Amino acid sequence: MTHDEIAAIALALPGTVEASHFGKRDFRAPTVFMSLPAASAANLNLTPDQQLLYGELYPDMVSALPNKWGLRGWTCLRLDRCDAGTARTLVEAAWRNVAPRKHGGSR
């Protein structure tokens, strides 16, 4: 996966806009659910339970961020090891965590 490919997945979700966070691309609906901090990574706003589940399902692709954000569920997805279907699943999960109910989210 590339940044442009995963960005296209995010931007296809209702209410999503692209912005910038500390000079890095991010995606909001309306809160940030994904950022692109490095060429081969995407950070996703998952719940701690989702982080644990996806970490067990995809141990070579998914890991908690190594800081307080990781404890809150922020998760690194290794794009160089990820296919489009898996990326879509994880991006949609992160999006649902912040999107308004009218768009299919949990808020």
N, C-alpha and C. Protein backbone atom coordinates (compact mmCIF):
# COMPACT_ATOMS: atom_id res chain seq x y z
N MET A 1 0.84 -1.19 0.00
CA MET A 1 0.00 0.00 0.00
C MET A 1 0.89 1.25 0.00
N THR A 2 0.39 2.26 -0.64
CA THR A 2 1.06 3.56 -0.63
C THR A 2 0.19 4.55 0.15
N HIS A 3 0.75 5.71 0.46
CA HIS A 3 -0.04 6.76 1.10
C HIS A 3 -1.23 7.15 0.24
N ASP A 4 -1.03 7.28 -1.06
CA ASP A 4 -2.13 7.68 -1.92
C ASP A 4 -3.24 6.62 -1.96
N GLU A 5 -2.86 5.35 -1.93
CA GLU A 5 -3.87 4.27 -1.95
C GLU A 5 -4.68 4.25 -0.67
N ILE A 6 -4.02 4.38 0.48
CA ILE A 6 -4.77 4.35 1.74
C ILE A 6 -5.55 5.66 1.93
N ALA A 7 -5.03 6.76 1.40
CA ALA A 7 -5.77 8.03 1.44
C ALA A 7 -7.05 7.92 0.64
N ALA A 8 -7.01 7.26 -0.50
CA ALA A 8 -8.21 7.07 -1.31
C ALA A 8 -9.26 6.26 -0.56
N ILE A 9 -8.83 5.26 0.19
CA ILE A 9 -9.77 4.47 1.00
C ILE A 9 -10.43 5.38 2.03
N ALA A 10 -9.64 6.18 2.72
CA ALA A 10 -10.18 7.08 3.75
C ALA A 10 -11.12 8.12 3.15
N LEU A 11 -10.72 8.73 2.05
CA LEU A 11 -11.51 9.81 1.46
C LEU A 11 -12.82 9.31 0.86
N ALA A 12 -12.95 8.02 0.61
CA ALA A 12 -14.19 7.45 0.11
C ALA A 12 -15.26 7.31 1.20
N LEU A 13 -14.86 7.45 2.46
CA LEU A 13 -15.80 7.31 3.58
C LEU A 13 -16.56 8.62 3.78
N PRO A 14 -17.87 8.54 4.06
CA PRO A 14 -18.69 9.74 4.19
C PRO A 14 -18.16 10.73 5.23
N GLY A 15 -18.17 11.99 4.87
CA GLY A 15 -17.80 13.06 5.79
C GLY A 15 -16.32 13.22 6.03
N THR A 16 -15.49 12.48 5.33
CA THR A 16 -14.05 12.54 5.54
C THR A 16 -13.43 13.69 4.77
N VAL A 17 -12.55 14.41 5.45
CA VAL A 17 -11.75 15.46 4.81
C VAL A 17 -10.29 15.23 5.14
N GLU A 18 -9.43 15.66 4.23
CA GLU A 18 -8.00 15.59 4.47
C GLU A 18 -7.52 16.93 5.00
N ALA A 19 -6.64 16.88 5.98
CA ALA A 19 -6.05 18.09 6.56
C ALA A 19 -4.58 17.79 6.86
N SER A 20 -3.99 18.63 7.71
CA SER A 20 -2.60 18.45 8.08
C SER A 20 -2.46 18.56 9.59
N HIS A 21 -1.67 17.67 10.17
CA HIS A 21 -1.44 17.64 11.61
C HIS A 21 0.06 17.58 11.83
N PHE A 22 0.63 18.64 12.39
CA PHE A 22 2.08 18.73 12.58
C PHE A 22 2.83 18.46 11.28
N GLY A 23 2.30 18.98 10.18
CA GLY A 23 2.94 18.86 8.89
C GLY A 23 2.75 17.53 8.18
N LYS A 24 1.95 16.64 8.74
CA LYS A 24 1.69 15.33 8.14
C LYS A 24 0.22 15.26 7.72
N ARG A 25 -0.04 14.51 6.66
CA ARG A 25 -1.41 14.33 6.20
C ARG A 25 -2.24 13.62 7.26
N ASP A 26 -3.47 14.10 7.47
CA ASP A 26 -4.40 13.38 8.33
C ASP A 26 -5.79 13.39 7.71
N PHE A 27 -6.67 12.55 8.27
CA PHE A 27 -8.01 12.36 7.74
C PHE A 27 -8.98 12.42 8.91
N ARG A 28 -10.04 13.22 8.74
CA ARG A 28 -10.95 13.54 9.84
C ARG A 28 -12.40 13.31 9.42
N ALA A 29 -13.23 12.97 10.42
CA ALA A 29 -14.66 12.81 10.16
C ALA A 29 -15.51 13.01 11.42
N PRO A 30 -15.54 14.09 12.14
CA PRO A 30 -14.75 15.30 12.01
C PRO A 30 -13.43 15.22 12.79
N THR A 31 -13.27 14.25 13.67
CA THR A 31 -12.06 14.07 14.46
C THR A 31 -11.06 13.23 13.67
N VAL A 32 -9.78 13.40 13.94
CA VAL A 32 -8.75 12.63 13.24
C VAL A 32 -8.93 11.14 13.52
N PHE A 33 -8.98 10.36 12.44
CA PHE A 33 -9.03 8.90 12.58
C PHE A 33 -7.83 8.21 11.93
N MET A 34 -7.09 8.96 11.10
CA MET A 34 -5.90 8.39 10.50
C MET A 34 -4.91 9.50 10.16
N SER A 35 -3.63 9.21 10.38
CA SER A 35 -2.57 10.12 9.95
C SER A 35 -1.50 9.31 9.22
N LEU A 36 -0.71 10.02 8.43
CA LEU A 36 0.34 9.37 7.64
C LEU A 36 1.69 9.96 8.05
N PRO A 37 2.30 9.40 9.10
CA PRO A 37 3.51 9.98 9.67
C PRO A 37 4.81 9.64 8.95
N ALA A 38 4.83 8.51 8.25
CA ALA A 38 6.05 8.05 7.58
C ALA A 38 5.67 7.33 6.30
N ALA A 39 6.63 7.17 5.41
CA ALA A 39 6.34 6.61 4.08
C ALA A 39 5.70 5.23 4.13
N SER A 40 6.04 4.43 5.10
CA SER A 40 5.52 3.06 5.13
C SER A 40 4.56 2.81 6.28
N ALA A 41 3.93 3.87 6.80
CA ALA A 41 3.06 3.69 7.96
C ALA A 41 1.84 4.60 7.89
N ALA A 42 0.77 4.10 8.53
CA ALA A 42 -0.42 4.90 8.80
C ALA A 42 -0.74 4.69 10.27
N ASN A 43 -1.11 5.76 10.96
CA ASN A 43 -1.54 5.66 12.35
C ASN A 43 -3.06 5.75 12.38
N LEU A 44 -3.69 4.81 13.06
CA LEU A 44 -5.14 4.69 13.09
C LEU A 44 -5.67 4.87 14.50
N ASN A 45 -6.79 5.57 14.62
CA ASN A 45 -7.43 5.84 15.91
C ASN A 45 -8.40 4.71 16.23
N LEU A 46 -7.85 3.63 16.76
CA LEU A 46 -8.66 2.47 17.15
C LEU A 46 -8.93 2.53 18.65
N THR A 47 -9.84 1.71 19.11
CA THR A 47 -10.03 1.55 20.55
C THR A 47 -8.95 0.57 21.05
N PRO A 48 -8.66 0.57 22.34
CA PRO A 48 -7.69 -0.42 22.83
C PRO A 48 -8.10 -1.87 22.52
N ASP A 49 -9.40 -2.16 22.58
CA ASP A 49 -9.87 -3.52 22.25
C ASP A 49 -9.65 -3.84 20.77
N GLN A 50 -9.93 -2.89 19.90
CA GLN A 50 -9.68 -3.11 18.47
C GLN A 50 -8.19 -3.29 18.22
N GLN A 51 -7.39 -2.49 18.88
CA GLN A 51 -5.94 -2.59 18.73
C GLN A 51 -5.46 -3.99 19.10
N LEU A 52 -5.95 -4.51 20.19
CA LEU A 52 -5.58 -5.85 20.64
C LEU A 52 -6.03 -6.90 19.62
N LEU A 53 -7.27 -6.81 19.17
CA LEU A 53 -7.81 -7.77 18.21
C LEU A 53 -7.01 -7.76 16.90
N TYR A 54 -6.84 -6.57 16.31
CA TYR A 54 -6.13 -6.50 15.04
C TYR A 54 -4.66 -6.84 15.21
N GLY A 55 -4.09 -6.55 16.36
CA GLY A 55 -2.70 -6.94 16.62
C GLY A 55 -2.54 -8.45 16.65
N GLU A 56 -3.56 -9.14 17.16
CA GLU A 56 -3.52 -10.61 17.17
C GLU A 56 -3.76 -11.18 15.78
N LEU A 57 -4.67 -10.55 15.02
CA LEU A 57 -4.98 -11.03 13.67
C LEU A 57 -3.85 -10.75 12.68
N TYR A 58 -3.22 -9.60 12.82
CA TYR A 58 -2.21 -9.14 11.86
C TYR A 58 -0.93 -8.71 12.59
N PRO A 59 -0.25 -9.62 13.28
CA PRO A 59 0.90 -9.22 14.10
C PRO A 59 2.07 -8.62 13.31
N ASP A 60 2.18 -8.93 12.03
CA ASP A 60 3.27 -8.36 11.23
C ASP A 60 2.95 -6.98 10.67
N MET A 61 1.67 -6.58 10.79
CA MET A 61 1.23 -5.31 10.21
C MET A 61 0.82 -4.27 11.23
N VAL A 62 0.38 -4.70 12.40
CA VAL A 62 -0.29 -3.82 13.37
C VAL A 62 0.46 -3.82 14.69
N SER A 63 0.69 -2.61 15.23
CA SER A 63 1.30 -2.50 16.56
C SER A 63 0.84 -1.20 17.21
N ALA A 64 0.82 -1.21 18.53
CA ALA A 64 0.47 0.00 19.28
C ALA A 64 1.57 1.03 19.12
N LEU A 65 1.18 2.31 19.07
CA LEU A 65 2.20 3.36 19.07
C LEU A 65 2.94 3.29 20.41
N PRO A 66 4.24 3.55 20.41
CA PRO A 66 5.04 3.38 21.62
C PRO A 66 5.01 4.59 22.56
N ASN A 67 3.82 5.03 22.92
CA ASN A 67 3.69 6.17 23.83
C ASN A 67 2.29 6.17 24.44
N LYS A 68 1.93 7.25 25.10
CA LYS A 68 0.61 7.30 25.75
C LYS A 68 -0.51 7.17 24.73
N TRP A 69 -0.29 7.61 23.48
CA TRP A 69 -1.33 7.48 22.46
C TRP A 69 -1.58 6.01 22.15
N GLY A 70 -0.55 5.21 22.16
CA GLY A 70 -0.71 3.77 21.95
C GLY A 70 -1.58 3.13 23.01
N LEU A 71 -1.45 3.60 24.24
CA LEU A 71 -2.30 3.07 25.33
C LEU A 71 -3.77 3.43 25.12
N ARG A 72 -4.01 4.51 24.38
CA ARG A 72 -5.39 4.95 24.11
C ARG A 72 -5.97 4.28 22.86
N GLY A 73 -5.17 3.47 22.18
CA GLY A 73 -5.65 2.75 21.01
C GLY A 73 -5.02 3.16 19.69
N TRP A 74 -4.25 4.26 19.69
CA TRP A 74 -3.61 4.66 18.44
C TRP A 74 -2.65 3.57 18.00
N THR A 75 -2.80 3.17 16.75
CA THR A 75 -2.16 1.97 16.23
C THR A 75 -1.43 2.26 14.92
N CYS A 76 -0.25 1.70 14.78
CA CYS A 76 0.53 1.83 13.56
C CYS A 76 0.20 0.65 12.63
N LEU A 77 -0.12 0.97 11.39
CA LEU A 77 -0.33 -0.02 10.34
C LEU A 77 0.85 0.06 9.37
N ARG A 78 1.57 -1.03 9.22
CA ARG A 78 2.71 -1.10 8.30
C ARG A 78 2.20 -1.26 6.87
N LEU A 79 2.28 -0.21 6.09
CA LEU A 79 1.73 -0.22 4.74
C LEU A 79 2.51 -1.13 3.80
N ASP A 80 3.78 -1.32 4.05
CA ASP A 80 4.59 -2.17 3.19
C ASP A 80 4.26 -3.65 3.35
N ARG A 81 3.44 -3.99 4.33
CA ARG A 81 3.06 -5.38 4.58
C ARG A 81 1.55 -5.58 4.44
N CYS A 82 0.85 -4.58 3.96
CA CYS A 82 -0.61 -4.56 4.01
C CYS A 82 -1.22 -4.60 2.61
N ASP A 83 -2.31 -5.37 2.47
CA ASP A 83 -3.05 -5.38 1.21
C ASP A 83 -4.26 -4.45 1.33
N ALA A 84 -4.90 -4.18 0.21
CA ALA A 84 -6.01 -3.22 0.17
C ALA A 84 -7.19 -3.65 1.05
N GLY A 85 -7.51 -4.92 1.07
CA GLY A 85 -8.64 -5.39 1.87
C GLY A 85 -8.43 -5.19 3.36
N THR A 86 -7.25 -5.53 3.84
CA THR A 86 -6.93 -5.35 5.25
C THR A 86 -6.90 -3.86 5.60
N ALA A 87 -6.30 -3.07 4.72
CA ALA A 87 -6.25 -1.62 4.97
C ALA A 87 -7.67 -1.06 5.07
N ARG A 88 -8.55 -1.46 4.17
CA ARG A 88 -9.93 -0.97 4.19
C ARG A 88 -10.62 -1.34 5.51
N THR A 89 -10.43 -2.56 5.96
CA THR A 89 -11.04 -3.01 7.21
C THR A 89 -10.60 -2.14 8.38
N LEU A 90 -9.31 -1.90 8.49
CA LEU A 90 -8.79 -1.12 9.61
C LEU A 90 -9.13 0.37 9.51
N VAL A 91 -9.06 0.93 8.32
CA VAL A 91 -9.41 2.34 8.14
C VAL A 91 -10.89 2.55 8.46
N GLU A 92 -11.74 1.66 8.00
CA GLU A 92 -13.17 1.78 8.29
C GLU A 92 -13.45 1.66 9.78
N ALA A 93 -12.74 0.79 10.48
CA ALA A 93 -12.91 0.67 11.93
C ALA A 93 -12.54 1.98 12.62
N ALA A 94 -11.41 2.56 12.23
CA ALA A 94 -10.98 3.83 12.82
C ALA A 94 -11.99 4.94 12.51
N TRP A 95 -12.47 4.97 11.27
CA TRP A 95 -13.45 5.98 10.86
C TRP A 95 -14.74 5.86 11.68
N ARG A 96 -15.23 4.64 11.86
CA ARG A 96 -16.46 4.43 12.65
C ARG A 96 -16.32 4.95 14.07
N ASN A 97 -15.12 4.91 14.61
CA ASN A 97 -14.90 5.37 15.98
C ASN A 97 -15.11 6.86 16.15
N VAL A 98 -15.00 7.63 15.07
CA VAL A 98 -15.11 9.09 15.18
C VAL A 98 -16.24 9.69 14.36
N ALA A 99 -16.77 8.96 13.40
CA ALA A 99 -17.78 9.51 12.49
C ALA A 99 -19.13 9.66 13.18
N PRO A 100 -19.89 10.68 12.79
CA PRO A 100 -21.24 10.85 13.33
C PRO A 100 -22.15 9.67 12.93
N ARG A 101 -23.11 9.39 13.76
CA ARG A 101 -24.05 8.29 13.48
C ARG A 101 -24.73 8.44 12.12
N LYS A 102 -25.02 9.67 11.72
CA LYS A 102 -25.71 9.89 10.44
C LYS A 102 -24.91 9.37 9.26
N HIS A 103 -23.60 9.21 9.42
CA HIS A 103 -22.75 8.68 8.38
C HIS A 103 -22.43 7.20 8.59
N GLY A 104 -22.90 6.62 9.68
CA GLY A 104 -22.62 5.22 9.97
C GLY A 104 -21.58 5.01 11.06
N GLY A 105 -21.17 6.09 11.69
CA GLY A 105 -20.18 6.00 12.77
C GLY A 105 -20.83 5.71 14.11
N SER A 106 -20.03 5.72 15.13
CA SER A 106 -20.52 5.39 16.48
C SER A 106 -20.81 6.60 17.33
N ARG A 107 -20.55 7.82 16.80
CA ARG A 107 -20.77 9.03 17.60
C ARG A 107 -22.09 9.66 17.28
